Every structure is written in structure tokens, then in C-alpha cells.
Amino acid sequence: MTRLVFFCGHAGAGKTSLAKQLFAPLARETGEPFCLLDKDTLYGGYSAAAMGALTHDPNDRDSPLFLQHLRDPEYRGLIDTARENLELGVSALVIGPLSREVRERKLFDRAWLGIGLDVGLTVVWVHTSEETAHARIVARAHPVDAYKLAHWDEYRQRCFMPSGAQRDDLLLFDNTAPAAADYDALLQRIVSATAST
């Protein structure tokens, strides 16, 4: 069986750190090969070049221009890359905010993802408090966060916590100060996810 595991959430939630922490334990527990696909790694350089040419700000990832013209193609490429790995028998851990896709339930739409019922599908929403996220973003001092920090009130309006039907089948993980038992519990939830056949 192959698995597609999404680590989603807003900036500063700790998606990448969490996925990397669980990568080796997941491979050990399942005995399956995995790949790690992080949107920032795959498209960071491309986005910098494109936005530098378009706006002279290579670090812009939050302006209307980026959100309207580059965001969706980047996510489509991320998901297409995951699907190619799955077709080769390699499970994928996919990291990206994917907030709109969570809100619209697209990550549970196998036709939209292009995957069959034989793929185990897990979507983890990684979250923390706004204060913790802001502090982490400031501390990491990454240039791509400059626009976000300069327009924080505007950015925070896009942030949300899944509620109602959005939460169905979604694994919520509070990454503010998790204990070892919290990581173990999430690992077991992912491992126990089965294909829909």
C-alpha cells in the first residue's frame, strides 16, 4: 500500500519540523519507502525568480499577484509530483499551507488529487496560537516572511481553524508544545490509516 500524508497549516505552525520528525518513524513502522515533498523546497527558487521579475521583490509570497497567479500552479505541481511517486510505489509526505484546499475539502477528493482508492490518505492540520506562530516567524527571520510580517493584520484575516464539516477526517495536531506521547499518537493514527478499497 502507498500513503499520501499532507501536513497543512498556517505559517509558523511547524509543519516541516513535524513532518521531518515523523519521517523515519513512519518508514520504520510501515516498512514502506517514503519521499518528502515540501512546497518551499520545490518551488522556493522558482517563486523568487518569478516574483523578482514581476514585482522586483523575490521574497513576495503573500501579495495578491502571487496568490492569484502562482499559488495554484505551485500546489498543482506539488500534488502531481506526489502522485508520480505514488504510482512508482513510493509513499509521500507533502508539506504546504494548503489552507484553501483544506477549507474546500479538496484534499479528500481523490479525483481532484488524481489518486485511486488503493492509496491511504491522511490530512494533518498542524496548528498553534497566533502568538506562537508570529514569534516563530520572527525568530526564523526568513526573507519570504517579510511581506507577511509587514502586512500581519491583513495576513491574519486569512488564517483560520477548521471547523464543522471542514474537520471531518482531518487529524488536528496542536504543535505549540507537544509531548513525546502526542507525536506517538499522531504516528499511530497515520500508520493505522488504510486505503479505501
Protein backbone atom coordinates (compact mmCIF):
# COMPACT_ATOMS: atom_id res chain seq x y z
CA MET A 1 0.00 0.00 0.00
CA THR A 2 1.14 3.55 -0.66
CA ARG A 3 0.25 6.51 1.55
CA LEU A 4 -0.32 10.17 0.86
CA VAL A 5 0.09 12.25 4.02
CA PHE A 6 -0.47 16.02 3.98
CA PHE A 7 0.97 18.30 6.66
CA CYS A 8 -1.04 21.51 6.32
CA GLY A 9 -1.45 24.66 8.35
CA HIS A 10 -0.55 28.31 8.52
CA ALA A 11 2.95 29.78 8.65
CA GLY A 12 4.79 29.18 11.88
CA ALA A 13 2.72 26.14 12.86
CA GLY A 14 5.72 23.83 12.49
CA LYS A 15 4.56 21.69 9.55
CA THR A 16 8.02 20.97 8.17
CA SER A 17 9.58 20.18 11.54
CA LEU A 18 6.73 17.81 12.36
CA ALA A 19 6.89 16.00 9.01
CA LYS A 20 10.65 15.59 9.27
CA GLN A 21 10.36 14.30 12.83
CA LEU A 22 7.85 11.64 11.77
CA PHE A 23 9.57 10.68 8.50
CA ALA A 24 11.93 7.98 9.80
CA PRO A 25 9.46 6.55 12.35
CA LEU A 26 6.81 6.23 9.63
CA ALA A 27 9.20 4.41 7.33
CA ARG A 28 10.19 2.08 10.19
CA GLU A 29 6.63 1.40 11.34
CA THR A 30 5.24 0.72 7.87
CA GLY A 31 8.31 -0.79 6.18
CA GLU A 32 7.45 1.36 3.16
CA PRO A 33 9.59 3.84 1.18
CA PHE A 34 8.64 7.50 1.60
CA CYS A 35 9.58 10.77 -0.05
CA LEU A 36 9.31 14.24 1.49
CA LEU A 37 7.84 16.96 -0.72
CA ASP A 38 7.95 20.47 0.72
CA LYS A 39 6.40 23.23 -1.39
CA ASP A 40 9.04 25.72 -0.28
CA THR A 41 11.87 23.40 -1.32
CA LEU A 42 10.30 22.52 -4.66
CA TYR A 43 9.16 26.00 -5.66
CA GLY A 44 11.04 28.49 -3.49
CA GLY A 45 13.71 29.24 -6.08
CA TYR A 46 11.21 29.40 -8.92
CA SER A 47 8.91 31.73 -6.98
CA ALA A 48 11.82 34.00 -6.09
CA ALA A 49 12.82 34.29 -9.74
CA ALA A 50 9.26 34.84 -10.97
CA MET A 51 8.32 37.40 -8.34
CA GLY A 52 11.65 39.15 -8.70
CA ALA A 53 10.96 39.58 -12.41
CA LEU A 54 7.33 40.61 -11.91
CA THR A 55 7.49 42.81 -8.81
CA HIS A 56 11.21 43.22 -8.05
CA ASP A 57 10.51 41.51 -4.70
CA PRO A 58 11.80 37.92 -4.88
CA ASN A 59 10.55 37.21 -1.36
CA ASP A 60 6.90 38.04 -2.02
CA ARG A 61 4.65 35.04 -1.35
CA ASP A 62 1.62 36.82 0.06
CA SER A 63 0.71 39.66 -2.28
CA PRO A 64 -2.47 39.47 -4.40
CA LEU A 65 -0.34 38.97 -7.53
CA PHE A 66 1.32 35.84 -6.13
CA LEU A 67 -1.88 34.46 -4.64
CA GLN A 68 -3.86 34.97 -7.84
CA HIS A 69 -1.31 33.77 -10.41
CA LEU A 70 1.36 31.49 -8.91
CA ARG A 71 -0.16 29.86 -5.83
CA ASP A 72 -2.43 27.34 -7.54
CA PRO A 73 0.07 26.17 -10.19
CA GLU A 74 2.63 25.55 -7.45
CA TYR A 75 0.18 23.42 -5.49
CA ARG A 76 -0.86 21.56 -8.61
CA GLY A 77 2.79 20.74 -9.32
CA LEU A 78 3.30 19.63 -5.71
CA ILE A 79 0.35 17.24 -5.88
CA ASP A 80 1.30 15.98 -9.34
CA THR A 81 4.81 15.18 -8.06
CA ALA A 82 3.33 13.30 -5.11
CA ARG A 83 1.08 11.33 -7.47
CA GLU A 84 4.02 10.33 -9.69
CA ASN A 85 5.83 8.95 -6.64
CA LEU A 86 2.72 7.07 -5.53
CA GLU A 87 2.42 5.50 -8.98
CA LEU A 88 6.00 4.24 -8.55
CA GLY A 89 5.19 2.67 -5.18
CA VAL A 90 6.69 5.45 -3.05
CA SER A 91 4.55 7.00 -0.32
CA ALA A 92 4.64 10.79 0.03
CA LEU A 93 4.67 13.26 2.89
CA VAL A 94 3.52 16.57 1.43
CA ILE A 95 4.13 19.87 3.24
CA GLY A 96 2.40 23.14 2.44
CA PRO A 97 -0.16 25.53 3.94
CA LEU A 98 -2.92 24.23 1.62
CA SER A 99 -5.42 26.22 3.68
CA ARG A 100 -7.82 26.85 0.81
CA GLU A 101 -7.72 23.17 -0.15
CA VAL A 102 -8.49 22.14 3.44
CA ARG A 103 -11.33 24.65 3.67
CA GLU A 104 -12.79 23.41 0.37
CA ARG A 105 -12.18 19.72 1.25
CA LYS A 106 -10.16 19.19 -1.94
CA LEU A 107 -7.53 17.11 -0.13
CA PHE A 108 -10.15 14.42 0.45
CA ASP A 109 -11.28 14.47 -3.19
CA ARG A 110 -9.45 11.56 -4.77
CA ALA A 111 -10.46 12.59 -8.28
CA TRP A 112 -9.01 16.08 -7.73
CA LEU A 113 -5.84 14.54 -6.28
CA GLY A 114 -5.67 12.03 -9.10
CA ILE A 115 -5.28 9.02 -6.79
CA GLY A 116 -7.14 5.76 -6.54
CA LEU A 117 -8.81 4.00 -3.64
CA ASP A 118 -5.66 1.94 -3.12
CA VAL A 119 -3.80 4.91 -1.59
CA GLY A 120 -4.01 5.50 2.16
CA LEU A 121 -4.89 9.18 2.60
CA THR A 122 -4.22 11.25 5.73
CA VAL A 123 -4.54 15.02 6.15
CA VAL A 124 -2.94 16.55 9.25
CA TRP A 125 -3.79 20.14 10.19
CA VAL A 126 -0.87 21.48 12.22
CA HIS A 127 -1.81 24.45 14.38
CA THR A 128 -0.60 26.69 17.17
CA SER A 129 -1.60 30.01 18.69
CA GLU A 130 -1.23 33.19 16.66
CA GLU A 131 1.29 34.48 19.20
CA THR A 132 3.44 31.36 18.94
CA ALA A 133 3.28 31.37 15.14
CA HIS A 134 4.24 35.06 14.99
CA ALA A 135 7.15 34.51 17.39
CA ARG A 136 8.41 31.54 15.33
CA ILE A 137 8.17 33.51 12.09
CA VAL A 138 10.10 36.42 13.59
CA ALA A 139 12.72 34.09 15.09
CA ARG A 140 13.39 32.21 11.84
CA ALA A 141 13.99 35.55 10.10
CA HIS A 142 13.35 34.15 6.62
CA PRO A 143 13.14 36.77 3.86
CA VAL A 144 9.96 35.25 2.41
CA ASP A 145 8.14 36.17 5.63
CA ALA A 146 8.87 39.89 5.27
CA TYR A 147 5.68 40.71 3.37
CA LYS A 148 3.61 38.63 5.77
CA LEU A 149 5.08 40.38 8.83
CA ALA A 150 4.73 43.83 7.25
CA HIS A 151 1.06 43.12 6.49
CA TRP A 152 0.28 40.96 9.53
CA ASP A 153 -3.24 42.28 10.14
CA GLU A 154 -4.13 41.52 6.54
CA TYR A 155 -2.44 38.10 6.66
CA ARG A 156 -4.07 37.04 9.93
CA GLN A 157 -7.51 37.55 8.37
CA ARG A 158 -6.73 34.62 6.06
CA CYS A 159 -5.83 32.36 8.99
CA PHE A 160 -8.49 30.04 10.36
CA MET A 161 -9.01 26.90 12.39
CA PRO A 162 -11.00 24.23 10.54
CA SER A 163 -14.49 23.86 11.95
CA GLY A 164 -17.69 22.00 11.24
CA ALA A 165 -17.57 19.77 8.16
CA GLN A 166 -14.05 21.02 7.40
CA ARG A 167 -12.83 18.92 10.34
CA ASP A 168 -14.30 15.62 9.12
CA ASP A 169 -11.46 13.07 8.77
CA LEU A 170 -8.90 15.81 9.46
CA LEU A 171 -6.23 15.00 12.06
CA LEU A 172 -5.68 18.09 14.21
CA PHE A 173 -2.26 18.44 15.84
CA ASP A 174 -1.53 21.18 18.35
CA ASN A 175 2.15 21.91 17.75
CA THR A 176 2.52 24.57 20.44
CA ALA A 177 4.40 22.39 22.92
CA PRO A 178 3.74 18.73 22.07
CA ALA A 179 4.97 15.91 24.29
CA ALA A 180 6.50 12.65 23.08
CA ALA A 181 3.14 10.95 23.61
CA ASP A 182 1.49 13.42 21.23
CA TYR A 183 3.97 12.55 18.46
CA ASP A 184 3.49 8.84 19.11
CA ALA A 185 -0.29 9.17 18.96
CA LEU A 186 -0.14 11.03 15.65
CA LEU A 187 2.29 8.48 14.24
CA GLN A 188 -0.07 5.64 15.12
CA ARG A 189 -3.04 7.47 13.59
CA ILE A 190 -1.13 7.85 10.32
CA VAL A 191 0.14 4.27 10.37
CA SER A 192 -3.35 2.91 11.01
CA ALA A 193 -4.85 4.83 8.07
CA THR A 194 -5.93 2.35 5.45
CA ALA A 195 -6.75 2.51 1.77
CA SER A 196 -10.43 2.78 0.87
CA THR A 197 -10.61 -0.48 -1.03
